N, C-alpha and C. Protein backbone atom coordinates (compact mmCIF):
# COMPACT_ATOMS: atom_id res chain seq x y z
N MET A 1 0.85 -1.16 0.00
CA MET A 1 0.00 0.00 0.00
C MET A 1 0.90 1.23 0.00
N ALA A 2 0.91 1.96 -1.10
CA ALA A 2 1.74 3.15 -1.23
C ALA A 2 0.99 4.35 -0.69
N VAL A 3 1.30 4.71 0.53
CA VAL A 3 0.64 5.85 1.16
C VAL A 3 1.64 7.00 1.17
N ARG A 4 1.27 8.11 0.50
CA ARG A 4 2.22 9.20 0.38
C ARG A 4 1.78 10.46 1.09
N LYS A 5 0.49 10.65 1.20
CA LYS A 5 0.02 11.87 1.84
C LYS A 5 -0.04 11.68 3.34
N ARG A 6 0.06 12.79 4.04
CA ARG A 6 0.06 12.73 5.50
C ARG A 6 -1.24 12.13 6.03
N SER A 7 -2.35 12.49 5.43
CA SER A 7 -3.63 11.98 5.89
C SER A 7 -3.71 10.46 5.67
N GLY A 8 -3.12 9.99 4.58
CA GLY A 8 -3.11 8.56 4.30
C GLY A 8 -2.28 7.80 5.31
N ILE A 9 -1.16 8.38 5.70
CA ILE A 9 -0.30 7.75 6.70
C ILE A 9 -1.03 7.68 8.04
N GLU A 10 -1.71 8.78 8.39
CA GLU A 10 -2.45 8.81 9.65
C GLU A 10 -3.58 7.79 9.65
N GLU A 11 -4.29 7.70 8.54
CA GLU A 11 -5.40 6.73 8.45
C GLU A 11 -4.89 5.30 8.54
N ALA A 12 -3.74 5.03 7.93
CA ALA A 12 -3.17 3.69 8.00
C ALA A 12 -2.81 3.34 9.44
N ARG A 13 -2.27 4.32 10.16
CA ARG A 13 -1.90 4.10 11.56
C ARG A 13 -3.15 3.86 12.42
N LYS A 14 -4.20 4.65 12.17
CA LYS A 14 -5.45 4.49 12.91
C LYS A 14 -6.10 3.14 12.61
N SER A 15 -6.00 2.73 11.36
CA SER A 15 -6.57 1.46 10.95
C SER A 15 -5.92 0.29 11.69
N ILE A 16 -4.61 0.36 11.84
CA ILE A 16 -3.88 -0.68 12.56
C ILE A 16 -4.31 -0.70 14.02
N ALA A 17 -4.46 0.47 14.63
CA ALA A 17 -4.87 0.54 16.03
C ALA A 17 -6.28 -0.01 16.21
N ARG A 18 -7.18 0.33 15.30
CA ARG A 18 -8.56 -0.16 15.37
C ARG A 18 -8.60 -1.69 15.23
N ARG A 19 -7.79 -2.19 14.31
CA ARG A 19 -7.75 -3.64 14.08
C ARG A 19 -7.30 -4.37 15.34
N GLU A 20 -6.30 -3.85 16.01
CA GLU A 20 -5.81 -4.47 17.24
C GLU A 20 -6.88 -4.45 18.33
N GLN A 21 -7.58 -3.32 18.46
CA GLN A 21 -8.65 -3.23 19.46
C GLN A 21 -9.77 -4.21 19.13
N ASN A 22 -10.15 -4.30 17.86
CA ASN A 22 -11.21 -5.22 17.47
C ASN A 22 -10.82 -6.67 17.76
N ARG A 23 -9.57 -7.01 17.46
CA ARG A 23 -9.10 -8.37 17.73
C ARG A 23 -9.14 -8.67 19.22
N PHE A 24 -8.78 -7.68 20.05
CA PHE A 24 -8.78 -7.85 21.50
C PHE A 24 -10.19 -8.15 22.01
N TYR A 25 -11.17 -7.33 21.60
CA TYR A 25 -12.53 -7.51 22.09
C TYR A 25 -13.16 -8.79 21.54
N LYS A 26 -12.84 -9.13 20.30
CA LYS A 26 -13.37 -10.36 19.72
C LYS A 26 -12.79 -11.58 20.43
N SER A 27 -11.52 -11.53 20.78
CA SER A 27 -10.88 -12.62 21.49
C SER A 27 -11.49 -12.80 22.88
N LEU A 28 -11.72 -11.69 23.59
CA LEU A 28 -12.36 -11.77 24.90
C LEU A 28 -13.74 -12.41 24.79
N MET A 29 -14.48 -12.01 23.77
CA MET A 29 -15.82 -12.53 23.57
C MET A 29 -15.77 -14.04 23.33
N LYS A 30 -14.91 -14.49 22.42
CA LYS A 30 -14.83 -15.91 22.09
C LYS A 30 -14.40 -16.74 23.30
N THR A 31 -13.45 -16.21 24.08
CA THR A 31 -12.98 -16.93 25.25
C THR A 31 -14.08 -17.08 26.29
N SER A 32 -14.84 -16.01 26.51
CA SER A 32 -15.90 -16.09 27.52
C SER A 32 -17.02 -17.04 27.07
N ILE A 33 -17.28 -17.11 25.76
CA ILE A 33 -18.28 -18.06 25.26
C ILE A 33 -17.81 -19.48 25.52
N LYS A 34 -16.54 -19.76 25.24
CA LYS A 34 -16.01 -21.11 25.47
C LYS A 34 -16.06 -21.47 26.95
N LYS A 35 -15.73 -20.51 27.82
CA LYS A 35 -15.78 -20.77 29.26
C LYS A 35 -17.20 -21.06 29.72
N ALA A 36 -18.16 -20.34 29.16
CA ALA A 36 -19.56 -20.55 29.54
C ALA A 36 -20.02 -21.95 29.14
N VAL A 37 -19.59 -22.40 27.98
CA VAL A 37 -20.00 -23.73 27.51
C VAL A 37 -19.34 -24.83 28.35
N THR A 38 -18.09 -24.64 28.71
CA THR A 38 -17.39 -25.68 29.48
C THR A 38 -17.78 -25.68 30.95
N SER A 39 -18.42 -24.62 31.44
CA SER A 39 -18.77 -24.54 32.86
C SER A 39 -20.15 -25.12 33.17
N VAL A 40 -20.76 -25.81 32.22
CA VAL A 40 -22.08 -26.39 32.44
C VAL A 40 -21.99 -27.42 33.56
N GLY A 41 -22.91 -27.31 34.53
CA GLY A 41 -22.93 -28.26 35.64
C GLY A 41 -22.07 -27.84 36.82
N GLN A 42 -21.36 -26.73 36.70
CA GLN A 42 -20.54 -26.23 37.79
C GLN A 42 -21.25 -25.09 38.50
N PRO A 43 -20.86 -24.78 39.73
CA PRO A 43 -21.56 -23.72 40.48
C PRO A 43 -21.47 -22.34 39.84
N GLU A 44 -20.36 -22.04 39.19
CA GLU A 44 -20.18 -20.69 38.61
C GLU A 44 -20.75 -20.59 37.19
N HIS A 45 -21.56 -21.55 36.80
CA HIS A 45 -22.13 -21.59 35.45
C HIS A 45 -22.90 -20.32 35.10
N GLN A 46 -23.74 -19.85 36.01
CA GLN A 46 -24.59 -18.69 35.71
C GLN A 46 -23.77 -17.42 35.52
N GLU A 47 -22.75 -17.22 36.35
CA GLU A 47 -21.94 -16.00 36.17
C GLU A 47 -21.10 -16.06 34.90
N MET A 48 -20.67 -17.25 34.50
CA MET A 48 -19.94 -17.39 33.23
C MET A 48 -20.86 -17.07 32.06
N LEU A 49 -22.10 -17.52 32.14
CA LEU A 49 -23.07 -17.23 31.10
C LEU A 49 -23.34 -15.73 31.01
N ASN A 50 -23.53 -15.10 32.17
CA ASN A 50 -23.76 -13.65 32.20
C ASN A 50 -22.57 -12.88 31.63
N GLU A 51 -21.37 -13.33 31.94
CA GLU A 51 -20.16 -12.68 31.42
C GLU A 51 -20.08 -12.82 29.90
N ALA A 52 -20.41 -14.00 29.39
CA ALA A 52 -20.36 -14.23 27.94
C ALA A 52 -21.36 -13.33 27.22
N ILE A 53 -22.57 -13.24 27.75
CA ILE A 53 -23.59 -12.39 27.13
C ILE A 53 -23.17 -10.93 27.20
N SER A 54 -22.58 -10.54 28.32
CA SER A 54 -22.10 -9.16 28.47
C SER A 54 -21.00 -8.85 27.46
N ARG A 55 -20.07 -9.78 27.27
CA ARG A 55 -18.98 -9.57 26.31
C ARG A 55 -19.51 -9.47 24.88
N ILE A 56 -20.52 -10.28 24.56
CA ILE A 56 -21.12 -10.21 23.23
C ILE A 56 -21.76 -8.84 23.02
N ASP A 57 -22.51 -8.38 24.04
CA ASP A 57 -23.17 -7.07 23.93
C ASP A 57 -22.15 -5.93 23.82
N LYS A 58 -21.07 -6.03 24.57
CA LYS A 58 -20.05 -4.99 24.51
C LYS A 58 -19.35 -4.95 23.16
N ALA A 59 -19.12 -6.12 22.58
CA ALA A 59 -18.50 -6.17 21.25
C ALA A 59 -19.44 -5.53 20.22
N ALA A 60 -20.73 -5.77 20.37
CA ALA A 60 -21.70 -5.17 19.44
C ALA A 60 -21.77 -3.67 19.64
N LYS A 61 -21.71 -3.24 20.89
CA LYS A 61 -21.76 -1.81 21.19
C LYS A 61 -20.57 -1.07 20.60
N ARG A 62 -19.42 -1.73 20.59
CA ARG A 62 -18.20 -1.11 20.05
C ARG A 62 -18.05 -1.33 18.55
N ASN A 63 -19.07 -1.90 17.91
CA ASN A 63 -19.08 -2.17 16.47
C ASN A 63 -17.98 -3.14 16.03
N VAL A 64 -17.57 -4.01 16.94
CA VAL A 64 -16.65 -5.08 16.57
C VAL A 64 -17.41 -6.13 15.78
N ILE A 65 -18.65 -6.41 16.23
CA ILE A 65 -19.55 -7.28 15.48
C ILE A 65 -20.87 -6.55 15.30
N ASP A 66 -21.64 -6.97 14.32
CA ASP A 66 -22.92 -6.35 14.05
C ASP A 66 -23.93 -6.75 15.13
N LYS A 67 -24.94 -5.91 15.36
CA LYS A 67 -25.92 -6.21 16.41
C LYS A 67 -26.71 -7.48 16.10
N ASN A 68 -26.97 -7.75 14.83
CA ASN A 68 -27.67 -8.99 14.48
C ASN A 68 -26.78 -10.21 14.70
N ASN A 69 -25.50 -10.04 14.42
CA ASN A 69 -24.54 -11.10 14.68
C ASN A 69 -24.48 -11.40 16.19
N ALA A 70 -24.55 -10.34 17.00
CA ALA A 70 -24.55 -10.51 18.45
C ALA A 70 -25.79 -11.27 18.90
N ALA A 71 -26.93 -10.92 18.33
CA ALA A 71 -28.17 -11.61 18.69
C ALA A 71 -28.10 -13.08 18.29
N ASN A 72 -27.53 -13.37 17.13
CA ASN A 72 -27.38 -14.75 16.68
C ASN A 72 -26.45 -15.54 17.60
N LYS A 73 -25.34 -14.89 18.02
CA LYS A 73 -24.39 -15.56 18.92
C LYS A 73 -25.04 -15.88 20.26
N LYS A 74 -25.81 -14.93 20.80
CA LYS A 74 -26.48 -15.16 22.08
C LYS A 74 -27.51 -16.28 21.96
N SER A 75 -28.24 -16.27 20.87
CA SER A 75 -29.26 -17.30 20.65
C SER A 75 -28.62 -18.68 20.53
N LYS A 76 -27.56 -18.75 19.76
CA LYS A 76 -26.85 -20.01 19.56
C LYS A 76 -26.25 -20.51 20.87
N LEU A 77 -25.71 -19.59 21.66
CA LEU A 77 -25.13 -19.95 22.96
C LEU A 77 -26.21 -20.51 23.89
N MET A 78 -27.36 -19.86 23.95
CA MET A 78 -28.43 -20.31 24.83
C MET A 78 -28.97 -21.67 24.39
N ARG A 79 -29.12 -21.88 23.08
CA ARG A 79 -29.59 -23.17 22.58
C ARG A 79 -28.61 -24.28 22.96
N LYS A 80 -27.32 -23.99 22.79
CA LYS A 80 -26.30 -24.98 23.11
C LYS A 80 -26.30 -25.30 24.60
N LEU A 81 -26.40 -24.27 25.44
CA LEU A 81 -26.38 -24.48 26.88
C LEU A 81 -27.63 -25.21 27.36
N ASN A 82 -28.78 -24.89 26.78
CA ASN A 82 -30.01 -25.58 27.15
C ASN A 82 -29.94 -27.06 26.78
N LYS A 83 -29.33 -27.34 25.63
CA LYS A 83 -29.18 -28.72 25.19
C LYS A 83 -28.24 -29.48 26.13
N LEU A 84 -27.15 -28.82 26.54
CA LEU A 84 -26.18 -29.47 27.43
C LEU A 84 -26.76 -29.69 28.83
N THR A 85 -27.52 -28.72 29.34
CA THR A 85 -28.08 -28.88 30.68
C THR A 85 -29.20 -29.92 30.70
N ALA A 86 -29.89 -30.09 29.59
CA ALA A 86 -30.95 -31.09 29.52
C ALA A 86 -30.36 -32.50 29.57
N THR A 87 -29.21 -32.68 28.95
CA THR A 87 -28.57 -34.00 28.94
C THR A 87 -27.77 -34.26 30.21
N ALA A 88 -27.34 -33.19 30.88
CA ALA A 88 -26.49 -33.36 32.08
C ALA A 88 -27.29 -33.65 33.32
């Protein structure tokens, strides 16, 4: 990417910073979802679930993911957890 103007250089720098922030929030979200799924049947299950939903909402609020994507993730998470708790 040949960036020659000052504004282009600044935008490229901002783009890199935004990408790192988005990766950070997306990683937190994915980790909390995995923790919520693996904590089924344990005492801290409910707080892990609340944390996962909170992280999904925060990622949507920060425009890391789309609000519809967030709703789909929450729905999928709840379906998976309900299925696991029914069998456990």
